[in-house]
Amino acid sequence: MPIYEYAAISRGCTHCEGHFDVLQKLADAPLTQCPHCGAPVQRIIAAPHVALGDSHLLKEDHAAKRGFTQYRRSEKGVYEKAYGKGPRYISDK
């Protein structure tokens, strides 16, 4: 169910003078009155709040907890451990 944002059209109570949120079904009709004071309200179009992608899965603590190790290149042919278990350096020398 989406969360809709409403605001008072004219003077209302402290609840509706600022914006307030209501969890409603898609089939529900929009509110026309404040549920607290009865002042007229209108639905506000607001930017959606979404989390895109799996960037939280790429964080070091997430990967290290699952047994992964990452190495970063420190110089030509030498890699230094960034996180995880394993040797501190890997070298082809």
N, C-alpha and C. Protein backbone atom coordinates (compact mmCIF):
# COMPACT_ATOMS: atom_id res chain seq x y z
N MET A 1 0.85 -1.18 0.00
CA MET A 1 0.00 0.00 0.00
C MET A 1 0.89 1.23 0.00
N PRO A 2 0.55 2.21 -0.82
CA PRO A 2 1.35 3.43 -0.87
C PRO A 2 1.05 4.38 0.29
N ILE A 3 2.01 5.23 0.55
CA ILE A 3 1.84 6.28 1.56
C ILE A 3 1.64 7.59 0.80
N TYR A 4 0.49 8.23 1.04
CA TYR A 4 0.17 9.49 0.38
C TYR A 4 0.42 10.65 1.32
N GLU A 5 0.83 11.77 0.75
CA GLU A 5 1.12 12.97 1.52
C GLU A 5 0.00 13.99 1.29
N TYR A 6 -0.48 14.59 2.36
CA TYR A 6 -1.56 15.57 2.28
C TYR A 6 -1.13 16.86 2.98
N ALA A 7 -1.80 17.96 2.62
CA ALA A 7 -1.58 19.26 3.28
C ALA A 7 -2.89 20.02 3.29
N ALA A 8 -3.06 20.88 4.29
CA ALA A 8 -4.28 21.68 4.42
C ALA A 8 -4.33 22.73 3.33
N ILE A 9 -5.53 22.97 2.79
CA ILE A 9 -5.73 24.01 1.79
C ILE A 9 -5.86 25.36 2.49
N SER A 10 -6.58 25.38 3.59
CA SER A 10 -6.74 26.60 4.39
C SER A 10 -6.25 26.30 5.80
N ARG A 11 -6.49 27.19 6.72
CA ARG A 11 -6.03 26.99 8.09
C ARG A 11 -6.65 25.74 8.69
N GLY A 12 -5.83 24.99 9.39
CA GLY A 12 -6.30 23.78 10.04
C GLY A 12 -5.61 23.62 11.38
N CYS A 13 -5.57 22.41 11.85
CA CYS A 13 -4.92 22.14 13.13
C CYS A 13 -3.41 21.94 12.92
N THR A 14 -2.71 21.70 13.99
CA THR A 14 -1.25 21.50 13.89
C THR A 14 -0.92 20.24 13.11
N HIS A 15 -1.83 19.29 13.07
CA HIS A 15 -1.61 18.05 12.32
C HIS A 15 -1.60 18.29 10.81
N CYS A 16 -2.50 19.14 10.31
CA CYS A 16 -2.64 19.28 8.86
C CYS A 16 -2.04 20.57 8.29
N GLU A 17 -1.62 21.51 9.14
CA GLU A 17 -0.99 22.73 8.60
C GLU A 17 0.32 22.39 7.91
N GLY A 18 1.07 21.50 8.48
CA GLY A 18 2.24 20.96 7.81
C GLY A 18 1.77 19.78 6.98
N HIS A 19 2.64 19.12 6.32
CA HIS A 19 2.25 17.94 5.55
C HIS A 19 2.10 16.76 6.49
N PHE A 20 1.17 15.87 6.19
CA PHE A 20 1.03 14.63 6.96
C PHE A 20 0.86 13.47 5.99
N ASP A 21 1.23 12.28 6.43
CA ASP A 21 1.20 11.09 5.59
C ASP A 21 0.07 10.16 6.01
N VAL A 22 -0.50 9.48 5.01
CA VAL A 22 -1.56 8.52 5.26
C VAL A 22 -1.29 7.27 4.43
N LEU A 23 -1.35 6.11 5.07
CA LEU A 23 -1.20 4.84 4.37
C LEU A 23 -2.58 4.44 3.86
N GLN A 24 -2.72 4.36 2.53
CA GLN A 24 -4.01 4.06 1.92
C GLN A 24 -3.85 3.02 0.83
N LYS A 25 -4.93 2.31 0.54
CA LYS A 25 -4.96 1.40 -0.59
C LYS A 25 -5.06 2.22 -1.87
N LEU A 26 -4.63 1.64 -2.98
CA LEU A 26 -4.75 2.32 -4.26
C LEU A 26 -6.20 2.61 -4.61
N ALA A 27 -7.11 1.72 -4.22
CA ALA A 27 -8.53 1.88 -4.54
C ALA A 27 -9.22 2.91 -3.66
N ASP A 28 -8.62 3.31 -2.54
CA ASP A 28 -9.24 4.29 -1.64
C ASP A 28 -9.30 5.66 -2.30
N ALA A 29 -10.38 6.37 -2.04
CA ALA A 29 -10.53 7.75 -2.54
C ALA A 29 -9.60 8.67 -1.74
N PRO A 30 -9.09 9.73 -2.39
CA PRO A 30 -8.24 10.68 -1.66
C PRO A 30 -9.01 11.35 -0.53
N LEU A 31 -8.30 11.69 0.54
CA LEU A 31 -8.92 12.41 1.65
C LEU A 31 -9.31 13.81 1.18
N THR A 32 -10.41 14.30 1.70
CA THR A 32 -10.83 15.68 1.40
C THR A 32 -10.82 16.52 2.67
N GLN A 33 -10.78 15.85 3.84
CA GLN A 33 -10.79 16.55 5.12
C GLN A 33 -9.73 15.98 6.04
N CYS A 34 -9.21 16.83 6.90
CA CYS A 34 -8.25 16.39 7.91
C CYS A 34 -8.95 15.42 8.86
N PRO A 35 -8.34 14.29 9.17
CA PRO A 35 -8.97 13.35 10.09
C PRO A 35 -9.09 13.87 11.53
N HIS A 36 -8.34 14.94 11.86
CA HIS A 36 -8.37 15.47 13.22
C HIS A 36 -9.35 16.64 13.38
N CYS A 37 -9.32 17.59 12.44
CA CYS A 37 -10.13 18.81 12.63
C CYS A 37 -11.18 19.02 11.54
N GLY A 38 -11.11 18.28 10.45
CA GLY A 38 -12.10 18.43 9.38
C GLY A 38 -11.79 19.53 8.38
N ALA A 39 -10.63 20.16 8.47
CA ALA A 39 -10.25 21.21 7.52
C ALA A 39 -10.03 20.58 6.14
N PRO A 40 -10.30 21.32 5.07
CA PRO A 40 -10.09 20.76 3.74
C PRO A 40 -8.60 20.53 3.45
N VAL A 41 -8.29 19.37 2.87
CA VAL A 41 -6.91 19.01 2.54
C VAL A 41 -6.85 18.54 1.09
N GLN A 42 -5.64 18.55 0.56
CA GLN A 42 -5.42 18.03 -0.79
C GLN A 42 -4.19 17.15 -0.79
N ARG A 43 -4.19 16.20 -1.73
CA ARG A 43 -3.05 15.29 -1.86
C ARG A 43 -1.91 16.04 -2.52
N ILE A 44 -0.71 15.86 -2.01
CA ILE A 44 0.49 16.50 -2.54
C ILE A 44 1.27 15.47 -3.34
N ILE A 45 1.76 15.87 -4.49
CA ILE A 45 2.63 15.00 -5.28
C ILE A 45 4.04 15.20 -4.75
N ALA A 46 4.63 14.12 -4.26
CA ALA A 46 5.97 14.19 -3.67
C ALA A 46 6.88 13.20 -4.38
N ALA A 47 8.15 13.43 -4.28
CA ALA A 47 9.14 12.53 -4.87
C ALA A 47 9.09 11.19 -4.14
N PRO A 48 9.17 10.09 -4.86
CA PRO A 48 9.15 8.79 -4.20
C PRO A 48 10.46 8.53 -3.46
N HIS A 49 10.37 7.74 -2.43
CA HIS A 49 11.54 7.35 -1.65
C HIS A 49 11.84 5.88 -1.97
N VAL A 50 12.86 5.67 -2.76
CA VAL A 50 13.19 4.31 -3.16
C VAL A 50 14.69 4.07 -3.00
N ALA A 51 15.03 2.84 -2.75
CA ALA A 51 16.43 2.43 -2.71
C ALA A 51 16.70 1.66 -3.98
N LEU A 52 17.62 2.14 -4.77
CA LEU A 52 17.92 1.50 -6.05
C LEU A 52 19.15 0.62 -5.95
N GLY A 53 19.08 -0.49 -6.61
CA GLY A 53 20.25 -1.35 -6.72
C GLY A 53 20.59 -2.07 -5.44
N ASP A 54 21.73 -2.70 -5.47
CA ASP A 54 22.21 -3.47 -4.33
C ASP A 54 23.50 -2.88 -3.78
N SER A 55 23.60 -1.55 -3.76
CA SER A 55 24.84 -0.92 -3.31
C SER A 55 25.15 -1.27 -1.87
N HIS A 56 24.12 -1.53 -1.05
CA HIS A 56 24.37 -1.90 0.34
C HIS A 56 25.08 -3.25 0.44
N LEU A 57 24.96 -4.09 -0.59
CA LEU A 57 25.62 -5.39 -0.57
C LEU A 57 27.11 -5.28 -0.87
N LEU A 58 27.55 -4.15 -1.39
CA LEU A 58 28.95 -3.97 -1.76
C LEU A 58 29.80 -3.40 -0.64
N LYS A 59 29.18 -3.05 0.47
CA LYS A 59 29.94 -2.47 1.58
C LYS A 59 30.89 -3.51 2.15
N GLU A 60 32.02 -3.03 2.63
CA GLU A 60 33.08 -3.93 3.10
C GLU A 60 32.62 -4.83 4.23
N ASP A 61 31.89 -4.31 5.20
CA ASP A 61 31.48 -5.15 6.33
C ASP A 61 30.53 -6.25 5.89
N HIS A 62 29.69 -5.97 4.89
CA HIS A 62 28.76 -6.98 4.39
C HIS A 62 29.52 -8.13 3.73
N ALA A 63 30.47 -7.81 2.89
CA ALA A 63 31.25 -8.83 2.18
C ALA A 63 32.16 -9.59 3.15
N ALA A 64 32.81 -8.90 4.08
CA ALA A 64 33.72 -9.54 5.01
C ALA A 64 32.98 -10.52 5.92
N LYS A 65 31.77 -10.19 6.33
CA LYS A 65 30.99 -11.07 7.19
C LYS A 65 30.63 -12.37 6.47
N ARG A 66 30.60 -12.35 5.16
CA ARG A 66 30.23 -13.52 4.38
C ARG A 66 31.45 -14.28 3.83
N GLY A 67 32.62 -13.93 4.35
CA GLY A 67 33.82 -14.69 4.03
C GLY A 67 34.58 -14.25 2.80
N PHE A 68 34.25 -13.10 2.23
CA PHE A 68 34.97 -12.62 1.06
C PHE A 68 36.17 -11.79 1.47
N THR A 69 37.19 -11.79 0.63
CA THR A 69 38.37 -10.97 0.85
C THR A 69 38.59 -10.12 -0.39
N GLN A 70 38.93 -8.86 -0.17
CA GLN A 70 39.22 -7.99 -1.30
C GLN A 70 40.64 -7.47 -1.17
N TYR A 71 41.32 -7.46 -2.32
CA TYR A 71 42.67 -6.92 -2.39
C TYR A 71 42.67 -5.71 -3.31
N ARG A 72 43.49 -4.72 -2.94
CA ARG A 72 43.65 -3.52 -3.76
C ARG A 72 45.10 -3.43 -4.21
N ARG A 73 45.28 -2.99 -5.41
CA ARG A 73 46.63 -2.88 -5.96
C ARG A 73 47.38 -1.75 -5.26
N SER A 74 48.52 -2.09 -4.68
CA SER A 74 49.32 -1.07 -4.00
C SER A 74 50.50 -0.63 -4.87
N GLU A 75 51.01 -1.53 -5.70
CA GLU A 75 52.05 -1.20 -6.68
C GLU A 75 52.02 -2.29 -7.74
N LYS A 76 52.83 -2.15 -8.75
CA LYS A 76 52.80 -3.11 -9.86
C LYS A 76 53.14 -4.51 -9.36
N GLY A 77 52.19 -5.43 -9.55
CA GLY A 77 52.40 -6.81 -9.16
C GLY A 77 52.19 -7.10 -7.69
N VAL A 78 51.80 -6.11 -6.88
CA VAL A 78 51.60 -6.30 -5.44
C VAL A 78 50.20 -5.82 -5.08
N TYR A 79 49.47 -6.68 -4.38
CA TYR A 79 48.11 -6.35 -3.94
C TYR A 79 48.05 -6.45 -2.43
N GLU A 80 47.43 -5.45 -1.80
CA GLU A 80 47.32 -5.40 -0.35
C GLU A 80 45.87 -5.70 0.04
N LYS A 81 45.69 -6.47 1.11
CA LYS A 81 44.36 -6.85 1.57
C LYS A 81 43.63 -5.61 2.08
N ALA A 82 42.37 -5.41 1.60
CA ALA A 82 41.53 -4.32 2.06
C ALA A 82 40.66 -4.77 3.23
N TYR A 83 40.11 -5.97 3.12
CA TYR A 83 39.31 -6.55 4.19
C TYR A 83 39.16 -8.05 3.97
N GLY A 84 38.72 -8.72 5.02
CA GLY A 84 38.49 -10.16 4.94
C GLY A 84 39.68 -10.94 5.49
N LYS A 85 39.54 -12.26 5.43
CA LYS A 85 40.61 -13.15 5.88
C LYS A 85 41.53 -13.44 4.71
N GLY A 86 42.74 -13.80 5.01
CA GLY A 86 43.69 -14.13 3.96
C GLY A 86 45.01 -13.44 4.20
N PRO A 87 45.99 -13.73 3.35
CA PRO A 87 47.30 -13.11 3.53
C PRO A 87 47.22 -11.59 3.35
N ARG A 88 48.12 -10.90 4.02
CA ARG A 88 48.11 -9.43 3.98
C ARG A 88 48.47 -8.90 2.61
N TYR A 89 49.39 -9.58 1.91
CA TYR A 89 49.83 -9.16 0.57
C TYR A 89 49.78 -10.34 -0.38
N ILE A 90 49.54 -10.07 -1.66
CA ILE A 90 49.71 -11.03 -2.73
C ILE A 90 50.66 -10.41 -3.74
N SER A 91 51.66 -11.17 -4.13
CA SER A 91 52.67 -10.63 -5.05
C SER A 91 53.00 -11.67 -6.10
N ASP A 92 53.27 -11.20 -7.32
CA ASP A 92 53.72 -12.13 -8.38
C ASP A 92 55.22 -12.15 -8.50
N LYS A 93 55.90 -11.52 -7.57
CA LYS A 93 57.37 -11.46 -7.61
C LYS A 93 57.98 -12.63 -6.92
